Amino acid sequence: MTLQKDKAIQAMLLGDWKNAASLNRALINENPKDIDALNRLAYAFTILGRIQDAKSTYRKVLKIDILNQIAIRNIRKLTELGPRQIAKSLSSVRGVSNTFLEETGKTKIISLVNTAQPKIISLLTTGQPVVIIIKRSKIFVQDQNEQYLGVLPDDVGKRLTKLIKGGNTYTACIKSATEHNVCVFVKETKRVSKYKNQPSFPQTADQDLGLSKTRTKIKNYKDLGEEDDDRVSFPEEES
């Protein structure tokens, strides 16, 4: 990843949308066919309320790649949604950006395992809220349409399963997504009294909870409909 691209992505993660737009424009000036930068610029325009500029930029993507699913999906949304719906959606995304502020012991960036197919991952956007399912001490991650995205690694999953069932609550969003790698940003929003001295994300994931270090391989991640699932939605934080 180039330094300029890294700066552009970091600006988006921090919610610095004007700077993100500027940095992505610079990347596009260097390479007018940089589809990723064009999509990021269009997204930044959307957040800034520059809807016509966003549409125009997505159209540039489609001239380069007529089947680009990110551009197709987002230009359709911008075309179909009314001004009030767009404003409501933008308010939600702006609030989500605050979750990327890191706090020791309370936040963690986690790479998912057993991720979904690339065509599904390609539709994810930075800051997109996710939903989890607790199932047999594993945590499955889905989007808000119940589309499977991946699973938290066993060490983190087992710890969070116990903490959530004990009363802790968390928010989580997509931090980054590439073809074969999805990272989520998880943040503790409530810690119950019995866990007051137990951070959600200590340096040693098994600390104080007596969790087994045995890792088990997930054989059938597509089977999400069994009756023993505990569905937990990550609520959006108030901005």
Protein backbone atom coordinates (compact mmCIF):
# COMPACT_ATOMS: atom_id res chain seq x y z
CA MET A 1 0.00 0.00 0.00
CA THR A 2 1.44 3.40 -0.99
CA LEU A 3 1.82 6.14 1.60
CA GLN A 4 -0.74 8.32 -0.18
CA LYS A 5 -3.28 5.50 -0.33
CA ASP A 6 -2.71 4.70 3.32
CA LYS A 7 -3.30 8.35 4.24
CA ALA A 8 -6.51 8.40 2.18
CA ILE A 9 -7.87 5.31 3.91
CA GLN A 10 -6.87 6.56 7.37
CA ALA A 11 -8.63 9.86 6.73
CA MET A 12 -11.83 7.96 5.99
CA LEU A 13 -11.46 5.79 9.08
CA LEU A 14 -11.08 8.93 11.20
CA GLY A 15 -14.09 10.57 9.59
CA ASP A 16 -11.99 13.36 8.05
CA TRP A 17 -14.04 13.36 4.86
CA LYS A 18 -12.78 16.62 3.32
CA ASN A 19 -9.19 15.46 3.64
CA ALA A 20 -10.18 12.01 2.38
CA ALA A 21 -11.70 13.56 -0.74
CA SER A 22 -8.57 15.64 -1.34
CA LEU A 23 -6.21 12.69 -0.89
CA ASN A 24 -8.23 10.41 -3.16
CA ARG A 25 -8.41 13.13 -5.83
CA ALA A 26 -4.61 13.28 -5.74
CA LEU A 27 -4.44 9.51 -6.30
CA ILE A 28 -6.85 9.81 -9.22
CA ASN A 29 -4.74 12.59 -10.76
CA GLU A 30 -1.83 10.15 -10.75
CA ASN A 31 -3.96 7.31 -12.12
CA PRO A 32 -7.38 8.28 -13.57
CA LYS A 33 -8.34 4.59 -13.74
CA ASP A 34 -7.76 3.89 -10.03
CA ILE A 35 -11.16 2.35 -9.34
CA ASP A 36 -10.61 1.98 -5.60
CA ALA A 37 -9.71 5.68 -5.25
CA LEU A 38 -12.71 6.67 -7.38
CA ASN A 39 -15.06 4.64 -5.20
CA ARG A 40 -13.54 6.12 -2.05
CA LEU A 41 -13.87 9.64 -3.48
CA ALA A 42 -17.51 9.02 -4.40
CA TYR A 43 -18.18 7.72 -0.89
CA ALA A 44 -16.51 10.80 0.65
CA PHE A 45 -18.62 13.04 -1.60
CA THR A 46 -21.71 11.20 -0.39
CA ILE A 47 -20.86 11.73 3.27
CA LEU A 48 -20.16 15.41 2.57
CA GLY A 49 -23.61 15.73 1.02
CA ARG A 50 -22.25 16.31 -2.48
CA ILE A 51 -24.64 13.81 -4.03
CA GLN A 52 -24.31 14.91 -7.66
CA ASP A 53 -20.51 14.75 -7.43
CA ALA A 54 -20.82 11.28 -5.87
CA LYS A 55 -23.06 10.07 -8.71
CA SER A 56 -20.73 11.54 -11.32
CA THR A 57 -17.74 9.80 -9.74
CA TYR A 58 -19.52 6.45 -9.57
CA ARG A 59 -20.37 6.84 -13.27
CA LYS A 60 -16.66 7.26 -13.98
CA VAL A 61 -16.08 3.93 -12.23
CA LEU A 62 -18.71 2.25 -14.40
CA LYS A 63 -17.09 3.61 -17.57
CA ILE A 64 -13.93 1.77 -16.52
CA ASP A 65 -15.63 -1.32 -15.06
CA ILE A 66 -19.28 -1.65 -16.05
CA LEU A 67 -19.78 -4.54 -13.59
CA ASN A 68 -18.27 -2.85 -10.52
CA GLN A 69 -20.70 -3.84 -7.77
CA ILE A 70 -19.77 -1.07 -5.33
CA ALA A 71 -20.52 1.63 -7.89
CA ILE A 72 -23.69 -0.12 -9.13
CA ARG A 73 -25.07 -0.53 -5.63
CA ASN A 74 -24.28 2.96 -4.40
CA ILE A 75 -25.43 4.87 -7.48
CA ARG A 76 -28.68 2.91 -7.30
CA LYS A 77 -29.12 3.90 -3.65
CA LEU A 78 -28.39 7.54 -4.37
CA THR A 79 -30.86 7.50 -7.23
CA GLU A 80 -33.66 5.70 -5.39
CA LEU A 81 -33.44 7.35 -1.96
CA GLY A 82 -35.06 10.70 -1.34
CA PRO A 83 -33.22 13.65 0.26
CA ARG A 84 -34.60 12.86 3.73
CA GLN A 85 -33.57 9.19 3.56
CA ILE A 86 -30.09 10.11 2.34
CA ALA A 87 -29.70 12.64 5.16
CA LYS A 88 -30.73 10.01 7.73
CA SER A 89 -28.27 7.50 6.30
CA LEU A 90 -25.43 10.04 6.30
CA SER A 91 -26.12 10.95 9.93
CA SER A 92 -25.75 7.28 10.87
CA VAL A 93 -22.45 6.87 9.04
CA ARG A 94 -20.99 10.08 10.52
CA GLY A 95 -21.79 8.76 13.99
CA VAL A 96 -20.18 5.42 13.24
CA SER A 97 -16.82 7.04 12.48
CA ASN A 98 -16.44 7.87 16.18
CA THR A 99 -16.12 4.16 16.97
CA PHE A 100 -12.69 4.04 15.36
CA LEU A 101 -11.15 5.92 18.29
CA GLU A 102 -9.03 3.31 20.06
CA GLU A 103 -9.13 2.78 23.82
CA THR A 104 -6.78 0.40 25.61
CA GLY A 105 -8.57 -2.76 26.70
CA LYS A 106 -11.88 -1.61 25.19
CA THR A 107 -11.27 -1.79 21.44
CA LYS A 108 -9.68 -4.21 19.03
CA ILE A 109 -9.22 -4.56 15.28
CA ILE A 110 -9.93 -8.18 14.41
CA SER A 111 -9.40 -10.05 11.14
CA LEU A 112 -12.22 -12.49 10.40
CA VAL A 113 -11.59 -16.12 9.53
CA ASN A 114 -13.54 -18.29 7.08
CA THR A 115 -14.64 -15.18 5.21
CA ALA A 116 -17.46 -15.13 2.68
CA GLN A 117 -16.97 -15.18 -1.08
CA PRO A 118 -15.13 -12.19 -2.62
CA LYS A 119 -18.26 -11.03 -4.45
CA ILE A 120 -19.94 -10.54 -1.05
CA ILE A 121 -16.90 -8.94 0.57
CA SER A 122 -16.63 -6.48 -2.33
CA LEU A 123 -19.94 -4.91 -1.27
CA LEU A 124 -18.72 -3.96 2.21
CA THR A 125 -17.92 -0.36 3.09
CA THR A 126 -15.83 1.18 5.84
CA GLY A 127 -17.94 2.04 8.88
CA GLN A 128 -20.72 -0.38 7.98
CA PRO A 129 -22.34 -1.78 11.17
CA VAL A 130 -22.34 -5.55 11.58
CA VAL A 131 -24.42 -8.13 13.43
CA ILE A 132 -23.13 -11.14 15.35
CA ILE A 133 -24.51 -14.57 16.15
CA ILE A 134 -23.20 -16.44 19.17
CA LYS A 135 -23.19 -20.12 18.35
CA ARG A 136 -21.50 -22.86 20.38
CA SER A 137 -18.90 -20.42 21.77
CA LYS A 138 -18.17 -18.99 18.33
CA ILE A 139 -19.10 -15.58 17.00
CA PHE A 140 -20.36 -15.35 13.43
CA VAL A 141 -20.42 -11.93 11.80
CA GLN A 142 -23.20 -10.86 9.43
CA ASP A 143 -24.31 -7.67 7.76
CA GLN A 144 -27.68 -6.16 8.64
CA ASN A 145 -29.37 -8.26 5.96
CA GLU A 146 -28.15 -11.44 7.71
CA GLN A 147 -25.57 -12.10 5.00
CA TYR A 148 -22.69 -14.16 6.41
CA LEU A 149 -19.33 -12.33 6.38
CA GLY A 150 -17.01 -14.40 8.53
CA VAL A 151 -16.15 -15.61 12.04
CA LEU A 152 -14.08 -14.12 14.86
CA PRO A 153 -10.97 -16.19 15.69
CA ASP A 154 -11.56 -18.68 18.50
CA ASP A 155 -9.44 -16.92 21.12
CA VAL A 156 -11.33 -13.64 20.81
CA GLY A 157 -14.67 -15.29 20.06
CA LYS A 158 -14.71 -17.43 23.18
CA ARG A 159 -13.83 -14.51 25.41
CA LEU A 160 -16.45 -12.19 23.91
CA THR A 161 -19.09 -14.91 24.03
CA LYS A 162 -18.67 -15.19 27.80
CA LEU A 163 -18.55 -11.42 28.29
CA ILE A 164 -21.65 -10.79 26.16
CA LYS A 165 -23.62 -13.53 27.88
CA GLY A 166 -22.48 -11.99 31.17
CA GLY A 167 -23.95 -8.63 30.26
CA ASN A 168 -21.25 -6.66 28.44
CA THR A 169 -22.27 -4.89 25.23
CA TYR A 170 -20.26 -3.93 22.15
CA THR A 171 -20.44 -2.03 18.89
CA ALA A 172 -18.69 -3.20 15.76
CA CYS A 173 -18.16 -1.95 12.24
CA ILE A 174 -16.25 -2.90 9.13
CA LYS A 175 -12.83 -1.27 9.32
CA SER A 176 -11.46 -2.59 6.05
CA ALA A 177 -12.31 -5.22 3.46
CA THR A 178 -10.28 -6.65 0.63
CA GLU A 179 -10.92 -9.70 -1.50
CA HIS A 180 -9.67 -12.21 1.06
CA ASN A 181 -9.42 -10.19 4.27
CA VAL A 182 -12.09 -8.48 6.37
CA CYS A 183 -11.21 -6.50 9.50
CA VAL A 184 -13.81 -5.39 12.00
CA PHE A 185 -13.38 -2.79 14.72
CA VAL A 186 -15.00 -3.95 17.96
CA LYS A 187 -15.57 -1.59 20.87
CA GLU A 188 -16.83 -2.28 24.40
CA THR A 189 -19.72 0.08 25.22
CA LYS A 190 -20.80 -1.37 28.56
CA ARG A 191 -18.92 -3.39 31.19
CA VAL A 192 -20.96 -5.02 33.93
CA SER A 193 -19.76 -4.85 37.53
CA LYS A 194 -18.65 -8.47 37.77
CA TYR A 195 -16.18 -7.83 34.94
CA LYS A 196 -15.08 -4.38 36.17
CA ASN A 197 -11.43 -5.48 36.46
CA GLN A 198 -11.44 -7.60 33.31
CA PRO A 199 -10.74 -5.73 30.07
CA SER A 200 -12.48 -7.05 27.00
CA PHE A 201 -9.23 -7.15 25.05
CA PRO A 202 -6.24 -7.86 27.34
CA GLN A 203 -2.85 -8.77 25.92
CA THR A 204 -3.59 -12.40 26.80
CA ALA A 205 -7.05 -13.21 25.45
CA ASP A 206 -7.66 -16.04 27.91
CA GLN A 207 -6.82 -13.99 31.00
CA ASP A 208 -9.09 -14.45 34.05
CA LEU A 209 -11.93 -16.18 32.23
CA GLY A 210 -10.68 -19.76 32.29
CA LEU A 211 -11.14 -20.16 28.57
CA SER A 212 -9.80 -23.18 26.77
CA LYS A 213 -7.01 -22.51 24.29
CA THR A 214 -8.10 -25.42 22.14
CA ARG A 215 -9.03 -24.25 18.65
CA THR A 216 -11.67 -26.08 16.67
CA LYS A 217 -12.13 -25.82 12.93
CA ILE A 218 -15.46 -24.54 11.65
CA LYS A 219 -16.76 -27.10 9.22
CA ASN A 220 -20.01 -25.60 8.03
CA TYR A 221 -20.21 -21.84 8.45
CA LYS A 222 -23.19 -21.54 6.12
CA ASP A 223 -25.52 -23.30 8.56
CA LEU A 224 -26.71 -20.25 10.46
CA GLY A 225 -30.33 -21.15 11.08
CA GLU A 226 -30.16 -23.63 13.95
CA GLU A 227 -32.34 -23.10 16.98
CA ASP A 228 -29.47 -22.68 19.42
CA ASP A 229 -28.26 -19.43 17.80
CA ASP A 230 -28.20 -16.35 20.03
CA ARG A 231 -28.51 -13.36 17.74
CA VAL A 232 -26.94 -10.16 18.98
CA SER A 233 -27.09 -6.87 17.09
CA PHE A 234 -24.35 -4.33 17.59
CA PRO A 235 -26.29 -1.10 18.23
CA GLU A 236 -25.12 2.15 16.74
CA GLU A 237 -23.50 4.58 19.15
CA GLU A 238 -25.19 7.88 19.74
CA SER A 239 -23.30 10.65 18.07
